Amino acid sequence: MGATGFAVGLLVAIAGCGGGASGGTTPANVPSTDAAMPTDAAILSGPYYPLTIGSSWTYKVTDPIKGVSTKVITIDAKELVPGGANAAHMAYRHTTMKDKADKTVGWLEAIELPNAGGIVIGNMYERSFKSGTDVVTENDWWEPYRTKFDESAAHTVLNAKWTETYKEFIQLGAAAVKSTTQVQSWQVLAVDESVTVPAGTFKCIKVSHSLGAAGTATTKAFWYARGVGKVLEVGGQKEELTAFTIK
């Protein structure tokens, strides 16, 4: 069954969300929803990062330098990753549009961990375009993948901490490919935190990740709600969910 914010936003005061960050303002907690309020079982039990074709999310982006803009993410199709070491993998193609001009296309895979350990949403490949055109300016890919969200049981509990290491490959235009090894640290900061954004009020899992060496690392925080996806992101810039459709 599909779900659409804002209506769903009013029903998910008991759904979940995830992220972590430095900088920005954390929304104030809000009172719990009245127990008599109707709930949507698909939302309450759904994944933190729904990968379903036709689903979309709209965010208000506030950047301290560039100001306010709108970002829309849509899952378009499930297809083979277009390149890199994961070219034989089936993944979900999603398009990100910023103010209807700046386009990025990425491929996400739901990776099943061994021994029923759960699922990790992994970034496999990403392609950037010249503003307002279909001219490719950059191709990025990761081996084995770069984690978007870890839904495994071990990494969705309060105070969980872990580190991932992956290789990142960047090709600007027709230039030679450059590769580096990246180390990213994750932490679960909250598992039942109420967050209010323009799309509604949600109970979230809050996770953070830090990328880079100590002293120079960049840190971001994310709040994810079950059956909805990312509700809020803080760190460098702030992204607030304003509307969404889950197919």
C-alpha atoms as a PDB file:
ATOM      1  CA  MET A   1       0.000   0.000   0.000  1.00  0.00           C
ATOM      2  CA  GLY A   2       1.341   3.431  -0.852  1.00  0.00           C
ATOM      3  CA  ALA A   3       1.723   6.235   1.659  1.00  0.00           C
ATOM      4  CA  THR A   4       1.915   9.947   1.026  1.00  0.00           C
ATOM      5  CA  GLY A   5       3.030  12.793   3.332  1.00  0.00           C
ATOM      6  CA  PHE A   6       1.566  15.003   4.681  1.00  0.00           C
ATOM      7  CA  ALA A   7      -1.285  12.676   5.651  1.00  0.00           C
ATOM      8  CA  VAL A   8       1.113   9.945   6.632  1.00  0.00           C
ATOM      9  CA  GLY A   9       3.239  12.407   8.567  1.00  0.00           C
ATOM     10  CA  LEU A  10       0.405  12.755  11.045  1.00  0.00           C
ATOM     11  CA  LEU A  11       0.252   9.012  11.559  1.00  0.00           C
ATOM     12  CA  VAL A  12       3.897   8.307  12.165  1.00  0.00           C
ATOM     13  CA  ALA A  13       4.437   9.806  15.571  1.00  0.00           C
ATOM     14  CA  ILE A  14       5.288   6.208  16.431  1.00  0.00           C
ATOM     15  CA  ALA A  15       7.457   5.366  13.404  1.00  0.00           C
ATOM     16  CA  GLY A  16      11.284   5.236  13.303  1.00  0.00           C
ATOM     17  CA  CYS A  17      14.165   7.420  11.873  1.00  0.00           C
ATOM     18  CA  GLY A  18      18.057   7.613  11.801  1.00  0.00           C
ATOM     19  CA  GLY A  19      21.105   9.930  11.576  1.00  0.00           C
ATOM     20  CA  GLY A  20      23.864  11.838  13.401  1.00  0.00           C
ATOM     21  CA  ALA A  21      25.740  15.128  12.834  1.00  0.00           C
ATOM     22  CA  SER A  22      27.584  18.172  13.997  1.00  0.00           C
ATOM     23  CA  GLY A  23      26.266  21.656  13.418  1.00  0.00           C
ATOM     24  CA  GLY A  24      22.714  22.807  12.786  1.00  0.00           C
ATOM     25  CA  THR A  25      19.798  22.809  15.182  1.00  0.00           C
ATOM     26  CA  THR A  26      18.128  19.672  16.444  1.00  0.00           C
ATOM     27  CA  PRO A  27      14.324  20.024  16.364  1.00  0.00           C
ATOM     28  CA  ALA A  28      12.673  20.111  19.763  1.00  0.00           C
ATOM     29  CA  ASN A  29      10.954  16.952  20.950  1.00  0.00           C
ATOM     30  CA  VAL A  30       7.195  16.920  20.680  1.00  0.00           C
ATOM     31  CA  PRO A  31       4.550  15.187  22.828  1.00  0.00           C
ATOM     32  CA  SER A  32       3.654  11.605  21.984  1.00  0.00           C
ATOM     33  CA  THR A  33       0.666  11.075  19.732  1.00  0.00           C
ATOM     34  CA  ASP A  34      -2.613  10.175  21.427  1.00  0.00           C
ATOM     35  CA  ALA A  35      -2.902   6.380  21.593  1.00  0.00           C
ATOM     36  CA  ALA A  36      -6.343   6.632  19.974  1.00  0.00           C
ATOM     37  CA  MET A  37      -4.863   8.038  16.758  1.00  0.00           C
ATOM     38  CA  PRO A  38      -5.119   5.557  13.841  1.00  0.00           C
ATOM     39  CA  THR A  39      -1.851   4.027  12.605  1.00  0.00           C
ATOM     40  CA  ASP A  40      -0.643   2.545   9.331  1.00  0.00           C
ATOM     41  CA  ALA A  41       0.831  -0.928   9.919  1.00  0.00           C
ATOM     42  CA  ALA A  42       2.912  -0.763   6.733  1.00  0.00           C
ATOM     43  CA  ILE A  43       4.609   2.388   7.988  1.00  0.00           C
ATOM     44  CA  LEU A  44       5.146   1.195  11.546  1.00  0.00           C
ATOM     45  CA  SER A  45       6.807  -2.041  10.418  1.00  0.00           C
ATOM     46  CA  GLY A  46       8.483  -0.865   7.235  1.00  0.00           C
ATOM     47  CA  PRO A  47      12.215  -0.436   6.581  1.00  0.00           C
ATOM     48  CA  TYR A  48      14.094   2.703   7.526  1.00  0.00           C
ATOM     49  CA  TYR A  49      15.080   3.164   3.879  1.00  0.00           C
ATOM     50  CA  PRO A  50      12.202   2.045   1.592  1.00  0.00           C
ATOM     51  CA  LEU A  51      13.540   1.063  -1.831  1.00  0.00           C
ATOM     52  CA  THR A  52      10.420   0.911  -3.975  1.00  0.00           C
ATOM     53  CA  ILE A  53      10.059   2.117  -7.548  1.00  0.00           C
ATOM     54  CA  GLY A  54       8.031   5.321  -7.757  1.00  0.00           C
ATOM     55  CA  SER A  55       8.741   6.443  -4.185  1.00  0.00           C
ATOM     56  CA  SER A  56       9.917  10.028  -3.779  1.00  0.00           C
ATOM     57  CA  TRP A  57      11.051  12.474  -1.096  1.00  0.00           C
ATOM     58  CA  THR A  58      11.147  16.264  -1.181  1.00  0.00           C
ATOM     59  CA  TYR A  59      13.467  18.214   1.119  1.00  0.00           C
ATOM     60  CA  LYS A  60      13.976  21.823   2.082  1.00  0.00           C
ATOM     61  CA  VAL A  61      17.735  22.337   1.994  1.00  0.00           C
ATOM     62  CA  THR A  62      19.270  25.167   4.003  1.00  0.00           C
ATOM     63  CA  ASP A  63      22.908  25.893   3.221  1.00  0.00           C
ATOM     64  CA  PRO A  64      24.798  28.559   5.221  1.00  0.00           C
ATOM     65  CA  ILE A  65      26.392  29.864   2.001  1.00  0.00           C
ATOM     66  CA  LYS A  66      23.995  29.006  -0.836  1.00  0.00           C
ATOM     67  CA  GLY A  67      20.765  29.692   1.059  1.00  0.00           C
ATOM     68  CA  VAL A  68      17.520  27.708   0.730  1.00  0.00           C
ATOM     69  CA  SER A  69      16.778  25.270  -2.098  1.00  0.00           C
ATOM     70  CA  THR A  70      14.576  22.250  -2.848  1.00  0.00           C
ATOM     71  CA  LYS A  71      15.807  18.706  -3.418  1.00  0.00           C
ATOM     72  CA  VAL A  72      13.651  15.886  -4.816  1.00  0.00           C
ATOM     73  CA  ILE A  73      14.753  12.242  -4.807  1.00  0.00           C
ATOM     74  CA  THR A  74      12.831   9.680  -6.880  1.00  0.00           C
ATOM     75  CA  ILE A  75      13.430   5.943  -7.278  1.00  0.00           C
ATOM     76  CA  ASP A  76      13.071   5.308 -10.999  1.00  0.00           C
ATOM     77  CA  ALA A  77      13.866   1.667 -11.750  1.00  0.00           C
ATOM     78  CA  LYS A  78      15.776  -1.470 -10.796  1.00  0.00           C
ATOM     79  CA  GLU A  79      18.586  -2.228 -13.238  1.00  0.00           C
ATOM     80  CA  LEU A  80      22.224  -3.217 -13.588  1.00  0.00           C
ATOM     81  CA  VAL A  81      24.805  -0.890 -12.080  1.00  0.00           C
ATOM     82  CA  PRO A  82      26.363   0.945 -15.075  1.00  0.00           C
ATOM     83  CA  GLY A  83      30.031   0.481 -14.182  1.00  0.00           C
ATOM     84  CA  GLY A  84      32.719  -0.240 -11.621  1.00  0.00           C
ATOM     85  CA  ALA A  85      33.279  -3.489  -9.758  1.00  0.00           C
ATOM     86  CA  ASN A  86      29.538  -3.817  -9.073  1.00  0.00           C
ATOM     87  CA  ALA A  87      28.485  -3.616 -12.731  1.00  0.00           C
ATOM     88  CA  ALA A  88      26.923  -7.088 -12.554  1.00  0.00           C
ATOM     89  CA  HIS A  89      24.714  -6.131  -9.597  1.00  0.00           C
ATOM     90  CA  MET A  90      21.042  -5.216  -9.802  1.00  0.00           C
ATOM     91  CA  ALA A  91      20.361  -1.963  -7.979  1.00  0.00           C
ATOM     92  CA  TYR A  92      17.726   0.757  -7.632  1.00  0.00           C
ATOM     93  CA  ARG A  93      18.366   3.793  -9.810  1.00  0.00           C
ATOM     94  CA  HIS A  94      17.380   7.031  -8.104  1.00  0.00           C
ATOM     95  CA  THR A  95      17.445  10.571  -9.455  1.00  0.00           C
ATOM     96  CA  THR A  96      18.184  13.596  -7.294  1.00  0.00           C
ATOM     97  CA  MET A  97      17.105  17.006  -8.619  1.00  0.00           C
ATOM     98  CA  LYS A  98      18.112  20.218  -6.882  1.00  0.00           C
ATOM     99  CA  ASP A  99      15.921  23.171  -7.851  1.00  0.00           C
ATOM    100  CA  LYS A 100      14.937  21.285 -11.046  1.00  0.00           C
ATOM    101  CA  ALA A 101      18.348  21.908 -12.623  1.00  0.00           C
ATOM    102  CA  ASP A 102      21.197  20.123 -10.826  1.00  0.00           C
ATOM    103  CA  LYS A 103      20.867  16.385 -11.428  1.00  0.00           C
ATOM    104  CA  THR A 104      22.601  13.385  -9.903  1.00  0.00           C
ATOM    105  CA  VAL A 105      21.745   9.771 -10.681  1.00  0.00           C
ATOM    106  CA  GLY A 106      22.782   7.009  -8.292  1.00  0.00           C
ATOM    107  CA  TRP A 107      22.394   3.260  -7.868  1.00  0.00           C
ATOM    108  CA  LEU A 108      21.547   1.766  -4.463  1.00  0.00           C
ATOM    109  CA  GLU A 109      21.512  -1.923  -3.592  1.00  0.00           C
ATOM    110  CA  ALA A 110      19.799  -3.632  -0.675  1.00  0.00           C
ATOM    111  CA  ILE A 111      22.563  -6.000   0.441  1.00  0.00           C
ATOM    112  CA  GLU A 112      21.532  -9.010   2.501  1.00  0.00           C
ATOM    113  CA  LEU A 113      24.070  -9.800   5.194  1.00  0.00           C
ATOM    114  CA  PRO A 114      24.993 -13.444   5.900  1.00  0.00           C
ATOM    115  CA  ASN A 115      23.321 -15.478   8.641  1.00  0.00           C
ATOM    116  CA  ALA A 116      20.128 -13.408   8.493  1.00  0.00           C
ATOM    117  CA  GLY A 117      22.077 -10.458   9.842  1.00  0.00           C
ATOM    118  CA  GLY A 118      19.846  -7.920   8.134  1.00  0.00           C
ATOM    119  CA  ILE A 119      20.148  -5.508   5.223  1.00  0.00           C
ATOM    120  CA  VAL A 120      22.557  -2.701   4.398  1.00  0.00           C
ATOM    121  CA  ILE A 121      21.594  -0.083   1.815  1.00  0.00           C
ATOM    122  CA  GLY A 122      24.778   0.443  -0.174  1.00  0.00           C
ATOM    123  CA  ASN A 123      25.820   3.161  -2.623  1.00  0.00           C
ATOM    124  CA  MET A 124      27.234   1.415  -5.686  1.00  0.00           C
ATOM    125  CA  TYR A 125      27.623   4.112  -8.339  1.00  0.00           C
ATOM    126  CA  GLU A 126      26.797   7.772  -8.884  1.00  0.00           C
ATOM    127  CA  ARG A 127      26.760  10.043 -11.915  1.00  0.00           C
ATOM    128  CA  SER A 128      26.643  13.869 -11.884  1.00  0.00           C
ATOM    129  CA  PHE A 129      25.529  16.125 -14.724  1.00  0.00           C
ATOM    130  CA  LYS A 130      26.196  19.666 -15.884  1.00  0.00           C
ATOM    131  CA  SER A 131      23.434  21.909 -14.546  1.00  0.00           C
ATOM    132  CA  GLY A 132      20.329  21.876 -16.735  1.00  0.00           C
ATOM    133  CA  THR A 133      21.769  19.300 -19.161  1.00  0.00           C
ATOM    134  CA  ASP A 134      22.353  15.565 -19.618  1.00  0.00           C
ATOM    135  CA  VAL A 135      26.106  16.059 -20.010  1.00  0.00           C
ATOM    136  CA  VAL A 136      27.961  13.818 -17.558  1.00  0.00           C
ATOM    137  CA  THR A 137      30.590  15.674 -15.544  1.00  0.00           C
ATOM    138  CA  GLU A 138      31.580  13.049 -12.967  1.00  0.00           C
ATOM    139  CA  ASN A 139      31.333   9.314 -12.277  1.00  0.00           C
ATOM    140  CA  ASP A 140      31.912   7.940  -8.766  1.00  0.00           C
ATOM    141  CA  TRP A 141      31.810   4.365  -7.523  1.00  0.00           C
ATOM    142  CA  TRP A 142      32.726   2.389  -4.439  1.00  0.00           C
ATOM    143  CA  GLU A 143      34.133  -1.066  -3.623  1.00  0.00           C
ATOM    144  CA  PRO A 144      32.600  -3.052  -2.111  1.00  0.00           C
ATOM    145  CA  TYR A 145      30.095  -0.224  -1.483  1.00  0.00           C
ATOM    146  CA  ARG A 146      29.557   2.918   0.605  1.00  0.00           C
ATOM    147  CA  THR A 147      26.902   2.500   3.275  1.00  0.00           C
ATOM    148  CA  LYS A 148      23.812   4.677   2.924  1.00  0.00           C
ATOM    149  CA  PHE A 149      21.984   3.129   5.861  1.00  0.00           C
ATOM    150  CA  ASP A 150      22.673  -0.031   7.878  1.00  0.00           C
ATOM    151  CA  GLU A 151      19.436  -1.761   8.878  1.00  0.00           C
ATOM    152  CA  SER A 152      21.099  -4.776  10.483  1.00  0.00           C
ATOM    153  CA  ALA A 153      19.951  -5.748  13.978  1.00  0.00           C
ATOM    154  CA  ALA A 154      23.388  -5.086  15.457  1.00  0.00           C
ATOM    155  CA  HIS A 155      23.509  -1.552  14.043  1.00  0.00           C
ATOM    156  CA  THR A 156      20.025  -0.311  14.915  1.00  0.00           C
ATOM    157  CA  VAL A 157      20.384  -0.442  18.700  1.00  0.00           C
ATOM    158  CA  LEU A 158      21.244   2.487  20.956  1.00  0.00           C
ATOM    159  CA  ASN A 159      24.967   3.280  21.254  1.00  0.00           C
ATOM    160  CA  ALA A 160      26.013   0.854  18.528  1.00  0.00           C
ATOM    161  CA  LYS A 161      29.337   1.882  16.980  1.00  0.00           C
ATOM    162  CA  TRP A 162      31.142   0.509  13.947  1.00  0.00           C
ATOM    163  CA  THR A 163      33.606   1.448  11.226  1.00  0.00           C
ATOM    164  CA  GLU A 164      33.549   0.682   7.517  1.00  0.00           C
ATOM    165  CA  THR A 165      36.405   0.824   5.026  1.00  0.00           C
ATOM    166  CA  TYR A 166      35.904   1.071   1.281  1.00  0.00           C
ATOM    167  CA  LYS A 167      37.660   2.222  -1.866  1.00  0.00           C
ATOM    168  CA  GLU A 168      36.306   5.297  -3.627  1.00  0.00           C
ATOM    169  CA  PHE A 169      36.845   5.894  -7.348  1.00  0.00           C
ATOM    170  CA  ILE A 170      36.300   9.320  -8.945  1.00  0.00           C
ATOM    171  CA  GLN A 171      36.425  10.191 -12.630  1.00  0.00           C
ATOM    172  CA  LEU A 172      35.969  13.830 -13.656  1.00  0.00           C
ATOM    173  CA  GLY A 173      34.828  13.965 -17.276  1.00  0.00           C
ATOM    174  CA  ALA A 174      37.289  11.987 -19.413  1.00  0.00           C
ATOM    175  CA  ALA A 175      40.151  12.366 -16.931  1.00  0.00           C
ATOM    176  CA  ALA A 176      41.973   9.435 -15.409  1.00  0.00           C
ATOM    177  CA  VAL A 177      40.244   7.637 -12.550  1.00  0.00           C
ATOM    178  CA  LYS A 178      41.535   8.471  -9.082  1.00  0.00           C
ATOM    179  CA  SER A 179      41.045   6.118  -6.145  1.00  0.00           C
ATOM    180  CA  THR A 180      41.411   6.495  -2.398  1.00  0.00           C
ATOM    181  CA  THR A 181      40.674   4.360   0.645  1.00  0.00           C
ATOM    182  CA  GLN A 182      38.016   5.838   2.915  1.00  0.00           C
ATOM    183  CA  VAL A 183      37.261   5.039   6.556  1.00  0.00           C
ATOM    184  CA  GLN A 184      33.847   5.997   7.908  1.00  0.00           C
ATOM    185  CA  SER A 185      32.753   5.732  11.547  1.00  0.00           C
ATOM    186  CA  TRP A 186      29.097   5.260  12.497  1.00  0.00           C
ATOM    187  CA  GLN A 187      27.160   5.555  15.751  1.00  0.00           C
ATOM    188  CA  VAL A 188      23.516   5.161  16.800  1.00  0.00           C
ATOM    189  CA  LEU A 189      22.671   8.170  18.984  1.00  0.00           C
ATOM    190  CA  ALA A 190      18.955   7.546  19.588  1.00  0.00           C
ATOM    191  CA  VAL A 191      16.357   4.929  18.646  1.00  0.00           C
ATOM    192  CA  ASP A 192      13.066   6.567  19.562  1.00  0.00           C
ATOM    193  CA  GLU A 193      13.512  10.298  19.118  1.00  0.00           C
ATOM    194  CA  SER A 194      10.594  12.522  18.136  1.00  0.00           C
ATOM    195  CA  VAL A 195      11.391  14.899  15.290  1.00  0.00           C
ATOM    196  CA  THR A 196       9.145  17.545  13.749  1.00  0.00           C
ATOM    197  CA  VAL A 197       9.735  18.687  10.156  1.00  0.00           C
ATOM    198  CA  PRO A 198       7.381  20.280   7.587  1.00  0.00           C
ATOM    199  CA  ALA A 199       6.128  16.818   6.551  1.00  0.00           C
ATOM    200  CA  GLY A 200       4.993  15.947  10.076  1.00  0.00           C
ATOM    201  CA  THR A 201       6.175  14.461  13.365  1.00  0.00           C
ATOM    202  CA  PHE A 202       8.082  11.179  13.392  1.00  0.00           C
ATOM    203  CA  LYS A 203       9.720   8.842  15.897  1.00  0.00           C
ATOM    204  CA  CYS A 204      13.202   8.208  14.556  1.00  0.00           C
ATOM    205  CA  ILE A 205      16.430   6.342  14.818  1.00  0.00           C
ATOM    206  CA  LYS A 206      19.248   8.891  14.848  1.00  0.00           C
ATOM    207  CA  VAL A 207      22.638   7.906  13.461  1.00  0.00           C
ATOM    208  CA  SER A 208      25.814   9.830  12.753  1.00  0.00           C
ATOM    209  CA  HIS A 209      28.791   9.188  10.569  1.00  0.00           C
ATOM    210  CA  SER A 210      32.240  10.759  10.489  1.00  0.00           C
ATOM    211  CA  LEU A 211      34.453  10.589   7.415  1.00  0.00           C
ATOM    212  CA  GLY A 212      38.156  11.369   7.498  1.00  0.00           C
ATOM    213  CA  ALA A 213      41.026  11.464   9.960  1.00  0.00           C
ATOM    214  CA  ALA A 214      40.640  12.651  13.545  1.00  0.00           C
ATOM    215  CA  GLY A 215      40.742  16.433  13.728  1.00  0.00           C
ATOM    216  CA  THR A 216      39.701  16.892  10.105  1.00  0.00           C
ATOM    217  CA  ALA A 217      36.721  14.526   9.923  1.00  0.00           C
ATOM    218  CA  THR A 218      33.366  15.749   8.643  1.00  0.00           C
ATOM    219  CA  THR A 219      30.375  14.588  10.677  1.00  0.00           C
ATOM    220  CA  LYS A 220      26.711  14.417   9.755  1.00  0.00           C
ATOM    221  CA  ALA A 221      23.598  13.302  11.625  1.00  0.00           C
ATOM    222  CA  PHE A 222      20.549  11.628  10.096  1.00  0.00           C
ATOM    223  CA  TRP A 223      17.074  10.843  11.417  1.00  0.00           C
ATOM    224  CA  TYR A 224      15.229   7.988   9.671  1.00  0.00           C
ATOM    225  CA  ALA A 225      11.625   6.861  10.197  1.00  0.00           C
ATOM    226  CA  ARG A 226      10.399   3.328   9.507  1.00  0.00           C
ATOM    227  CA  GLY A 227       8.420   3.092   6.294  1.00  0.00           C
ATOM    228  CA  VAL A 228       9.289   6.701   5.440  1.00  0.00           C
ATOM    229  CA  GLY A 229      13.039   7.152   5.027  1.00  0.00           C
ATOM    230  CA  LYS A 230      15.245  10.111   5.871  1.00  0.00           C
ATOM    231  CA  VAL A 231      13.334  12.791   7.749  1.00  0.00           C
ATOM    232  CA  LEU A 232      16.158  15.145   8.728  1.00  0.00           C
ATOM    233  CA  GLU A 233      19.872  15.626   8.018  1.00  0.00           C
ATOM    234  CA  VAL A 234      22.191  18.048   9.804  1.00  0.00           C
ATOM    235  CA  GLY A 235      25.848  18.753   9.126  1.00  0.00           C
ATOM    236  CA  GLY A 236      27.246  21.289   6.682  1.00  0.00           C
ATOM    237  CA  GLN A 237      23.726  21.874   5.433  1.00  0.00           C
ATOM    238  CA  LYS A 238      20.301  21.022   6.828  1.00  0.00           C
ATOM    239  CA  GLU A 239      17.743  18.905   4.968  1.00  0.00           C
ATOM    240  CA  GLU A 240      14.136  18.711   6.220  1.00  0.00           C
ATOM    241  CA  LEU A 241      11.495  16.428   4.726  1.00  0.00           C
ATOM    242  CA  THR A 242       8.581  18.449   3.334  1.00  0.00           C
ATOM    243  CA  ALA A 243       6.660  15.766   1.411  1.00  0.00           C
ATOM    244  CA  PHE A 244       6.996  12.118   0.418  1.00  0.00           C
ATOM    245  CA  THR A 245       5.298   9.285  -1.425  1.00  0.00           C
ATOM    246  CA  ILE A 246       6.048   5.631  -0.626  1.00  0.00           C
ATOM    247  CA  LYS A 247       4.836   3.101  -3.199  1.00  0.00           C
END
